Amino acid sequence: MTAFVALIVGVAIGSLDATEDKAGRERPAPTVTTPSRAAETTRAHEPPATEPAPARTTAPNTPPPSPEPTAKPGPATSFKGDGQYLVVEDIKAGTYMTAGPEDGLIPNCYWARHKDASGEFSSIVANGNVQGQTRVTVRKGEYLEVKGCLPWKKAG
């Protein structure tokens, strides 16, 4: 019963007009102020505000998450896309295979082994235009140039 009476009294007090005080006089409306230069100089003597510490995302006794495993460093054993790849720097030495040409108007997979990166015809060690699956063996120091082929993967 006491809780009920307290509730009724609280509602009655809260429903009084907030602009009148207990004597029935009107209170002045609250004023909104903007910072002035005086307030700015006063703040200059206050210590700078610090940002709150970031919220913990794990329980205190939980170890931090381990980093994601990354690919082994060094030359790749598979690749895709047109370009020229330096053996032992970009790709590992060995035999690579592709399923053939990418789809297109005239599907064609071109590959060439080069002794250097000059792009000259005389730098070609071996090359081929293939319509199906093929294998190419490359050695350290050579460049493998590919155009229009599906991804290459090291065999074995």
N, C-alpha and C. Protein backbone atom coordinates (compact mmCIF):
# COMPACT_ATOMS: atom_id res chain seq x y z
N MET A 1 0.82 -1.18 0.00
CA MET A 1 0.00 0.00 0.00
C MET A 1 0.87 1.25 0.00
N THR A 2 1.97 1.24 0.78
CA THR A 2 2.85 2.41 0.86
C THR A 2 3.46 2.72 -0.51
N ALA A 3 3.82 1.67 -1.27
CA ALA A 3 4.39 1.88 -2.59
C ALA A 3 3.39 2.54 -3.51
N PHE A 4 2.11 2.15 -3.40
CA PHE A 4 1.07 2.73 -4.23
C PHE A 4 0.91 4.21 -3.94
N VAL A 5 0.89 4.58 -2.67
CA VAL A 5 0.75 5.99 -2.28
C VAL A 5 1.94 6.79 -2.79
N ALA A 6 3.15 6.23 -2.68
CA ALA A 6 4.34 6.93 -3.16
C ALA A 6 4.27 7.14 -4.65
N LEU A 7 3.74 6.17 -5.37
CA LEU A 7 3.59 6.29 -6.81
C LEU A 7 2.63 7.42 -7.17
N ILE A 8 1.50 7.49 -6.50
CA ILE A 8 0.50 8.52 -6.76
C ILE A 8 1.08 9.90 -6.47
N VAL A 9 1.79 10.04 -5.35
CA VAL A 9 2.39 11.32 -4.98
C VAL A 9 3.43 11.72 -6.02
N GLY A 10 4.23 10.78 -6.49
CA GLY A 10 5.26 11.06 -7.50
C GLY A 10 4.66 11.53 -8.81
N VAL A 11 3.57 10.90 -9.21
CA VAL A 11 2.89 11.30 -10.44
C VAL A 11 2.31 12.70 -10.29
N ALA A 12 1.74 12.98 -9.14
CA ALA A 12 1.14 14.30 -8.91
C ALA A 12 2.21 15.38 -8.93
N ILE A 13 3.34 15.14 -8.32
CA ILE A 13 4.41 16.14 -8.31
C ILE A 13 4.97 16.33 -9.72
N GLY A 14 5.13 15.25 -10.44
CA GLY A 14 5.68 15.34 -11.78
C GLY A 14 4.75 16.01 -12.75
N SER A 15 3.45 16.00 -12.48
CA SER A 15 2.51 16.59 -13.41
C SER A 15 2.33 18.08 -13.21
N LEU A 16 2.92 18.66 -12.17
CA LEU A 16 2.84 20.11 -12.01
C LEU A 16 3.51 20.78 -13.19
N ASP A 17 3.04 21.92 -13.53
CA ASP A 17 3.61 22.66 -14.64
C ASP A 17 5.06 22.99 -14.32
N ALA A 18 5.97 22.56 -15.16
CA ALA A 18 7.40 22.74 -14.90
C ALA A 18 7.83 24.19 -14.96
N THR A 19 6.99 25.06 -15.53
CA THR A 19 7.38 26.46 -15.64
C THR A 19 6.96 27.27 -14.42
N GLU A 20 6.26 26.66 -13.46
CA GLU A 20 5.83 27.38 -12.26
C GLU A 20 6.52 26.79 -11.05
N ASP A 21 6.91 27.66 -10.11
CA ASP A 21 7.48 27.13 -8.87
C ASP A 21 6.35 26.86 -7.89
N LYS A 22 6.67 26.46 -6.67
CA LYS A 22 5.64 26.07 -5.70
C LYS A 22 4.70 27.21 -5.35
N ALA A 23 5.12 28.44 -5.44
CA ALA A 23 4.25 29.57 -5.09
C ALA A 23 3.35 29.96 -6.25
N GLY A 24 3.48 29.26 -7.42
CA GLY A 24 2.61 29.58 -8.54
C GLY A 24 3.20 30.65 -9.43
N ARG A 25 4.41 31.12 -9.14
CA ARG A 25 5.02 32.12 -10.01
C ARG A 25 5.67 31.44 -11.20
N GLU A 26 5.70 32.16 -12.31
CA GLU A 26 6.31 31.60 -13.51
C GLU A 26 7.83 31.71 -13.40
N ARG A 27 8.50 30.61 -13.70
CA ARG A 27 9.97 30.61 -13.69
C ARG A 27 10.49 31.10 -15.03
N PRO A 28 11.64 31.73 -15.02
CA PRO A 28 12.21 32.13 -16.31
C PRO A 28 12.65 30.88 -17.10
N ALA A 29 12.53 30.99 -18.40
CA ALA A 29 12.92 29.87 -19.26
C ALA A 29 14.43 29.69 -19.18
N PRO A 30 14.91 28.48 -19.29
CA PRO A 30 16.36 28.28 -19.25
C PRO A 30 17.00 28.94 -20.45
N THR A 31 18.22 29.44 -20.27
CA THR A 31 18.93 30.10 -21.37
C THR A 31 19.98 29.16 -21.92
N VAL A 32 20.18 29.29 -23.20
CA VAL A 32 21.21 28.51 -23.87
C VAL A 32 22.34 29.46 -24.16
N THR A 33 23.54 29.08 -23.76
CA THR A 33 24.70 29.94 -24.00
C THR A 33 25.67 29.23 -24.91
N THR A 34 26.41 30.03 -25.65
CA THR A 34 27.47 29.49 -26.49
C THR A 34 28.80 29.86 -25.87
N PRO A 35 29.83 29.09 -26.11
CA PRO A 35 31.12 29.40 -25.50
C PRO A 35 31.62 30.77 -25.95
N SER A 36 32.14 31.51 -25.05
CA SER A 36 32.70 32.82 -25.39
C SER A 36 34.21 32.73 -25.32
N ARG A 37 34.86 33.80 -25.68
CA ARG A 37 36.32 33.84 -25.62
C ARG A 37 36.80 33.67 -24.18
N ALA A 38 36.05 34.23 -23.23
CA ALA A 38 36.43 34.09 -21.84
C ALA A 38 36.39 32.62 -21.43
N ALA A 39 35.37 31.91 -21.90
CA ALA A 39 35.27 30.49 -21.57
C ALA A 39 36.40 29.72 -22.24
N GLU A 40 36.79 30.13 -23.47
CA GLU A 40 37.88 29.46 -24.17
C GLU A 40 39.19 29.64 -23.41
N THR A 41 39.43 30.86 -22.89
CA THR A 41 40.68 31.06 -22.15
C THR A 41 40.64 30.31 -20.84
N THR A 42 39.46 30.18 -20.25
CA THR A 42 39.35 29.40 -19.02
C THR A 42 39.68 27.95 -19.32
N ARG A 43 39.18 27.44 -20.45
CA ARG A 43 39.45 26.05 -20.82
C ARG A 43 40.91 25.83 -21.13
N ALA A 44 41.60 26.87 -21.58
CA ALA A 44 43.00 26.71 -21.93
C ALA A 44 43.82 26.33 -20.71
N HIS A 45 43.38 26.69 -19.52
CA HIS A 45 44.12 26.36 -18.32
C HIS A 45 43.74 25.00 -17.76
N GLU A 46 42.69 24.40 -18.31
CA GLU A 46 42.27 23.08 -17.85
C GLU A 46 43.14 22.03 -18.54
N PRO A 47 43.35 20.89 -17.91
CA PRO A 47 44.12 19.84 -18.59
C PRO A 47 43.33 19.32 -19.79
N PRO A 48 44.04 18.88 -20.86
CA PRO A 48 43.33 18.42 -22.06
C PRO A 48 42.52 17.16 -21.75
N ALA A 49 41.39 17.08 -22.41
CA ALA A 49 40.52 15.91 -22.22
C ALA A 49 41.19 14.70 -22.84
N THR A 50 41.07 13.58 -22.21
CA THR A 50 41.64 12.36 -22.76
C THR A 50 40.52 11.50 -23.29
N GLU A 51 40.84 10.75 -24.33
CA GLU A 51 39.84 9.87 -24.92
C GLU A 51 39.71 8.64 -24.04
N PRO A 52 38.50 8.10 -23.95
CA PRO A 52 38.34 6.90 -23.13
C PRO A 52 39.09 5.72 -23.75
N ALA A 53 39.53 4.81 -22.94
CA ALA A 53 40.23 3.63 -23.43
C ALA A 53 39.26 2.78 -24.24
N PRO A 54 39.76 2.11 -25.29
CA PRO A 54 38.87 1.28 -26.09
C PRO A 54 38.31 0.15 -25.25
N ALA A 55 37.10 -0.24 -25.60
CA ALA A 55 36.42 -1.31 -24.86
C ALA A 55 37.13 -2.64 -25.11
N ARG A 56 37.19 -3.48 -24.09
CA ARG A 56 37.78 -4.81 -24.24
C ARG A 56 36.83 -5.68 -25.03
N THR A 57 37.38 -6.40 -25.98
CA THR A 57 36.54 -7.28 -26.77
C THR A 57 36.67 -8.73 -26.32
N THR A 58 37.64 -9.02 -25.45
CA THR A 58 37.79 -10.37 -24.95
C THR A 58 37.82 -10.35 -23.44
N ALA A 59 37.56 -11.47 -22.85
CA ALA A 59 37.62 -11.57 -21.39
C ALA A 59 39.06 -11.37 -20.93
N PRO A 60 39.29 -10.92 -19.69
CA PRO A 60 40.63 -10.62 -19.23
C PRO A 60 41.60 -11.80 -19.31
N ASN A 61 41.15 -13.01 -19.11
CA ASN A 61 42.05 -14.16 -19.12
C ASN A 61 42.11 -14.86 -20.48
N THR A 62 41.47 -14.30 -21.48
CA THR A 62 41.48 -14.90 -22.81
C THR A 62 42.72 -14.45 -23.55
N PRO A 63 43.49 -15.38 -24.12
CA PRO A 63 44.69 -14.96 -24.86
C PRO A 63 44.28 -14.22 -26.13
N PRO A 64 45.12 -13.33 -26.64
CA PRO A 64 44.78 -12.61 -27.87
C PRO A 64 44.68 -13.60 -29.03
N PRO A 65 43.90 -13.27 -30.05
CA PRO A 65 43.75 -14.18 -31.17
C PRO A 65 45.08 -14.34 -31.91
N SER A 66 45.33 -15.54 -32.40
CA SER A 66 46.57 -15.77 -33.14
C SER A 66 46.39 -15.25 -34.56
N PRO A 67 47.48 -14.82 -35.20
CA PRO A 67 47.36 -14.27 -36.56
C PRO A 67 46.95 -15.35 -37.55
N GLU A 68 46.32 -14.91 -38.62
CA GLU A 68 45.90 -15.83 -39.67
C GLU A 68 47.15 -16.43 -40.32
N PRO A 69 47.11 -17.72 -40.69
CA PRO A 69 48.27 -18.29 -41.37
C PRO A 69 48.43 -17.63 -42.73
N THR A 70 49.65 -17.41 -43.12
CA THR A 70 49.92 -16.78 -44.40
C THR A 70 50.58 -17.78 -45.34
N ALA A 71 50.57 -17.45 -46.59
CA ALA A 71 51.20 -18.32 -47.58
C ALA A 71 52.71 -18.36 -47.32
N LYS A 72 53.31 -19.47 -47.70
CA LYS A 72 54.75 -19.59 -47.51
C LYS A 72 55.44 -18.50 -48.32
N PRO A 73 56.44 -17.87 -47.74
CA PRO A 73 57.17 -16.86 -48.51
C PRO A 73 57.97 -17.53 -49.62
N GLY A 74 58.23 -16.77 -50.64
CA GLY A 74 59.02 -17.30 -51.74
C GLY A 74 58.22 -17.36 -53.02
N PRO A 75 58.79 -17.97 -54.04
CA PRO A 75 58.13 -18.04 -55.34
C PRO A 75 56.85 -18.85 -55.29
N ALA A 76 55.93 -18.51 -56.16
CA ALA A 76 54.63 -19.18 -56.22
C ALA A 76 54.73 -20.53 -56.93
N THR A 77 53.78 -21.40 -56.64
CA THR A 77 53.68 -22.68 -57.33
C THR A 77 52.45 -22.73 -58.23
N SER A 78 51.71 -21.63 -58.27
CA SER A 78 50.60 -21.50 -59.20
C SER A 78 50.42 -20.02 -59.50
N PHE A 79 49.85 -19.72 -60.65
CA PHE A 79 49.64 -18.32 -61.05
C PHE A 79 48.60 -18.27 -62.14
N LYS A 80 48.02 -17.09 -62.32
CA LYS A 80 47.06 -16.90 -63.39
C LYS A 80 47.24 -15.49 -63.94
N GLY A 81 46.84 -15.32 -65.16
CA GLY A 81 46.91 -14.00 -65.78
C GLY A 81 48.04 -13.90 -66.78
N ASP A 82 47.83 -13.04 -67.75
CA ASP A 82 48.85 -12.81 -68.76
C ASP A 82 50.04 -12.10 -68.14
N GLY A 83 51.22 -12.44 -68.62
CA GLY A 83 52.41 -11.76 -68.12
C GLY A 83 53.66 -12.58 -68.35
N GLN A 84 54.75 -12.05 -67.78
CA GLN A 84 56.04 -12.70 -67.88
C GLN A 84 56.54 -12.94 -66.46
N TYR A 85 56.84 -14.17 -66.12
CA TYR A 85 57.20 -14.57 -64.77
C TYR A 85 58.65 -15.04 -64.73
N LEU A 86 59.46 -14.47 -63.82
CA LEU A 86 60.85 -14.86 -63.66
C LEU A 86 60.92 -16.10 -62.78
N VAL A 87 61.55 -17.16 -63.31
CA VAL A 87 61.65 -18.42 -62.58
C VAL A 87 62.63 -18.25 -61.42
N VAL A 88 62.23 -18.71 -60.26
CA VAL A 88 62.88 -18.69 -58.95
C VAL A 88 62.59 -17.39 -58.21
N GLU A 89 62.24 -16.31 -58.89
CA GLU A 89 61.84 -15.09 -58.18
C GLU A 89 60.31 -15.00 -58.10
N ASP A 90 59.63 -15.15 -59.25
CA ASP A 90 58.16 -15.07 -59.28
C ASP A 90 57.51 -16.45 -59.10
N ILE A 91 58.05 -17.44 -59.78
CA ILE A 91 57.54 -18.81 -59.69
C ILE A 91 58.70 -19.76 -59.47
N LYS A 92 58.41 -20.92 -58.90
CA LYS A 92 59.44 -21.94 -58.67
C LYS A 92 59.79 -22.61 -59.99
N ALA A 93 61.01 -23.13 -60.06
CA ALA A 93 61.43 -23.91 -61.23
C ALA A 93 60.67 -25.23 -61.21
N GLY A 94 60.43 -25.79 -62.39
CA GLY A 94 59.76 -27.08 -62.48
C GLY A 94 58.78 -27.13 -63.63
N THR A 95 57.92 -28.12 -63.58
CA THR A 95 56.94 -28.33 -64.64
C THR A 95 55.59 -27.77 -64.21
N TYR A 96 54.97 -26.97 -65.07
CA TYR A 96 53.67 -26.36 -64.82
C TYR A 96 52.69 -26.86 -65.87
N MET A 97 51.43 -26.93 -65.48
CA MET A 97 50.40 -27.34 -66.43
C MET A 97 49.21 -26.40 -66.37
N THR A 98 48.50 -26.31 -67.49
CA THR A 98 47.28 -25.53 -67.62
C THR A 98 46.25 -26.38 -68.34
N ALA A 99 44.99 -26.09 -68.09
CA ALA A 99 43.91 -26.82 -68.75
C ALA A 99 43.70 -26.33 -70.18
N GLY A 100 44.34 -25.22 -70.55
CA GLY A 100 44.22 -24.73 -71.91
C GLY A 100 43.85 -23.27 -71.96
N PRO A 101 43.25 -22.86 -73.07
CA PRO A 101 42.93 -21.44 -73.25
C PRO A 101 41.69 -21.00 -72.47
N GLU A 102 41.65 -19.71 -72.14
CA GLU A 102 40.45 -19.11 -71.56
C GLU A 102 39.39 -19.03 -72.64
N ASP A 103 38.12 -18.95 -72.22
CA ASP A 103 37.05 -18.80 -73.19
C ASP A 103 37.18 -17.44 -73.86
N GLY A 104 36.86 -17.37 -75.11
CA GLY A 104 36.91 -16.10 -75.82
C GLY A 104 36.45 -16.30 -77.25
N LEU A 105 36.52 -15.24 -78.04
CA LEU A 105 36.10 -15.30 -79.43
C LEU A 105 36.94 -16.34 -80.19
N ILE A 106 38.24 -16.26 -80.03
CA ILE A 106 39.15 -17.26 -80.61
C ILE A 106 40.03 -17.76 -79.46
N PRO A 107 39.62 -18.83 -78.78
CA PRO A 107 40.40 -19.30 -77.64
C PRO A 107 41.78 -19.78 -78.06
N ASN A 108 42.80 -19.24 -77.40
CA ASN A 108 44.18 -19.61 -77.71
C ASN A 108 45.03 -19.37 -76.47
N CYS A 109 45.85 -20.34 -76.13
CA CYS A 109 46.77 -20.22 -75.01
C CYS A 109 48.19 -20.20 -75.58
N TYR A 110 48.89 -19.09 -75.38
CA TYR A 110 50.27 -18.96 -75.86
C TYR A 110 51.20 -18.99 -74.66
N TRP A 111 52.29 -19.74 -74.77
CA TRP A 111 53.33 -19.74 -73.76
C TRP A 111 54.68 -19.65 -74.46
N ALA A 112 55.65 -19.06 -73.75
CA ALA A 112 57.01 -18.99 -74.29
C ALA A 112 58.00 -18.98 -73.14
N ARG A 113 59.06 -19.77 -73.29
CA ARG A 113 60.19 -19.73 -72.35
C ARG A 113 61.22 -18.78 -72.96
N HIS A 114 61.68 -17.81 -72.15
CA HIS A 114 62.67 -16.83 -72.63
C HIS A 114 63.94 -16.95 -71.81
N LYS A 115 65.09 -16.69 -72.46
CA LYS A 115 66.37 -16.70 -71.73
C LYS A 115 66.62 -15.37 -71.03
N ASP A 116 65.87 -14.30 -71.41
CA ASP A 116 65.98 -12.99 -70.76
C ASP A 116 64.66 -12.23 -70.93
N ALA A 117 64.59 -11.04 -70.36
CA ALA A 117 63.35 -10.25 -70.41
C ALA A 117 63.35 -9.22 -71.53
N SER A 118 64.20 -9.39 -72.51
CA SER A 118 64.32 -8.39 -73.58
C SER A 118 63.08 -8.29 -74.45
N GLY A 119 62.33 -9.38 -74.58
CA GLY A 119 61.16 -9.37 -75.45
C GLY A 119 61.52 -9.60 -76.90
N GLU A 120 62.79 -9.77 -77.18
CA GLU A 120 63.26 -10.02 -78.56
C GLU A 120 62.93 -11.45 -78.99
N PHE A 121 62.74 -11.63 -80.28
CA PHE A 121 62.46 -12.95 -80.82
C PHE A 121 63.61 -13.91 -80.51
N SER A 122 64.81 -13.40 -80.51
CA SER A 122 65.99 -14.24 -80.27
C SER A 122 66.09 -14.73 -78.82
N SER A 123 65.30 -14.16 -77.90
CA SER A 123 65.35 -14.60 -76.50
C SER A 123 64.46 -15.82 -76.25
N ILE A 124 63.65 -16.23 -77.22
CA ILE A 124 62.74 -17.36 -77.04
C ILE A 124 63.54 -18.67 -77.09
N VAL A 125 63.39 -19.47 -76.03
CA VAL A 125 64.00 -20.79 -75.96
C VAL A 125 63.04 -21.81 -76.57
N ALA A 126 61.75 -21.72 -76.23
CA ALA A 126 60.70 -22.59 -76.75
C ALA A 126 59.37 -21.88 -76.58
N ASN A 127 58.39 -22.21 -77.43
CA ASN A 127 57.06 -21.61 -77.29
C ASN A 127 56.01 -22.51 -77.91
N GLY A 128 54.74 -22.14 -77.70
CA GLY A 128 53.67 -22.91 -78.29
C GLY A 128 52.33 -22.20 -78.17
N ASN A 129 51.44 -22.52 -79.11
CA ASN A 129 50.04 -22.09 -79.08
C ASN A 129 49.23 -23.36 -78.90
N VAL A 130 48.47 -23.45 -77.82
CA VAL A 130 47.76 -24.69 -77.53
C VAL A 130 46.27 -24.44 -77.41
N GLN A 131 45.51 -25.47 -77.73
CA GLN A 131 44.05 -25.41 -77.63
C GLN A 131 43.53 -26.27 -76.49
N GLY A 132 44.39 -27.06 -75.88
CA GLY A 132 43.98 -27.93 -74.79
C GLY A 132 45.02 -27.92 -73.69
N GLN A 133 44.95 -28.95 -72.84
CA GLN A 133 45.87 -29.06 -71.71
C GLN A 133 47.32 -29.15 -72.21
N THR A 134 48.22 -28.51 -71.46
CA THR A 134 49.63 -28.57 -71.82
C THR A 134 50.51 -28.47 -70.60
N ARG A 135 51.76 -28.89 -70.76
CA ARG A 135 52.78 -28.82 -69.71
C ARG A 135 54.00 -28.11 -70.27
N VAL A 136 54.62 -27.30 -69.37
CA VAL A 136 55.84 -26.59 -69.74
C VAL A 136 56.81 -26.70 -68.57
N THR A 137 58.07 -27.04 -68.86
CA THR A 137 59.09 -27.13 -67.81
C THR A 137 60.00 -25.90 -67.93
N VAL A 138 60.15 -25.18 -66.83
CA VAL A 138 60.99 -23.97 -66.81
C VAL A 138 62.13 -24.15 -65.82
N ARG A 139 63.26 -23.49 -66.11
CA ARG A 139 64.46 -23.62 -65.29
C ARG A 139 64.83 -22.28 -64.67
N LYS A 140 65.65 -22.35 -63.64
CA LYS A 140 66.12 -21.16 -62.93
C LYS A 140 66.73 -20.16 -63.92
N GLY A 141 66.31 -18.88 -63.76
CA GLY A 141 66.83 -17.81 -64.60
C GLY A 141 66.04 -17.55 -65.86
N GLU A 142 65.15 -18.48 -66.25
CA GLU A 142 64.32 -18.27 -67.43
C GLU A 142 63.11 -17.43 -67.08
N TYR A 143 62.46 -16.91 -68.12
CA TYR A 143 61.20 -16.19 -67.98
C TYR A 143 60.14 -17.00 -68.69
N LEU A 144 58.97 -17.13 -68.06
CA LEU A 144 57.84 -17.80 -68.69
C LEU A 144 56.81 -16.74 -69.03
N GLU A 145 56.52 -16.61 -70.31
CA GLU A 145 55.50 -15.65 -70.79
C GLU A 145 54.24 -16.44 -71.12
N VAL A 146 53.08 -15.96 -70.64
CA VAL A 146 51.80 -16.63 -70.93
C VAL A 146 50.76 -15.59 -71.35
N LYS A 147 49.90 -16.00 -72.30
CA LYS A 147 48.81 -15.12 -72.76
C LYS A 147 47.59 -15.98 -73.08
N GLY A 148 46.43 -15.59 -72.54
CA GLY A 148 45.16 -16.22 -72.87
C GLY A 148 44.95 -17.60 -72.29
N CYS A 149 45.70 -17.96 -71.24
CA CYS A 149 45.61 -19.31 -70.66
C CYS A 149 44.82 -19.30 -69.36
N LEU A 150 44.23 -20.47 -69.06
CA LEU A 150 43.64 -20.68 -67.75
C LEU A 150 44.77 -20.74 -66.73
N PRO A 151 44.48 -20.72 -65.43
CA PRO A 151 45.54 -20.73 -64.41
C PRO A 151 46.53 -21.89 -64.59
N TRP A 152 47.79 -21.61 -64.25
CA TRP A 152 48.87 -22.58 -64.29
C TRP A 152 49.13 -23.08 -62.89
N LYS A 153 49.46 -24.38 -62.77
CA LYS A 153 49.76 -24.98 -61.47
C LYS A 153 50.95 -25.90 -61.62
N LYS A 154 51.83 -25.86 -60.61
CA LYS A 154 53.02 -26.72 -60.63
C LYS A 154 52.58 -28.17 -60.54
N ALA A 155 53.10 -28.99 -61.43
CA ALA A 155 52.78 -30.42 -61.45
C ALA A 155 53.74 -31.14 -60.51
N GLY A 156 53.18 -31.98 -59.66
CA GLY A 156 54.01 -32.79 -58.76
C GLY A 156 54.59 -32.13 -57.60
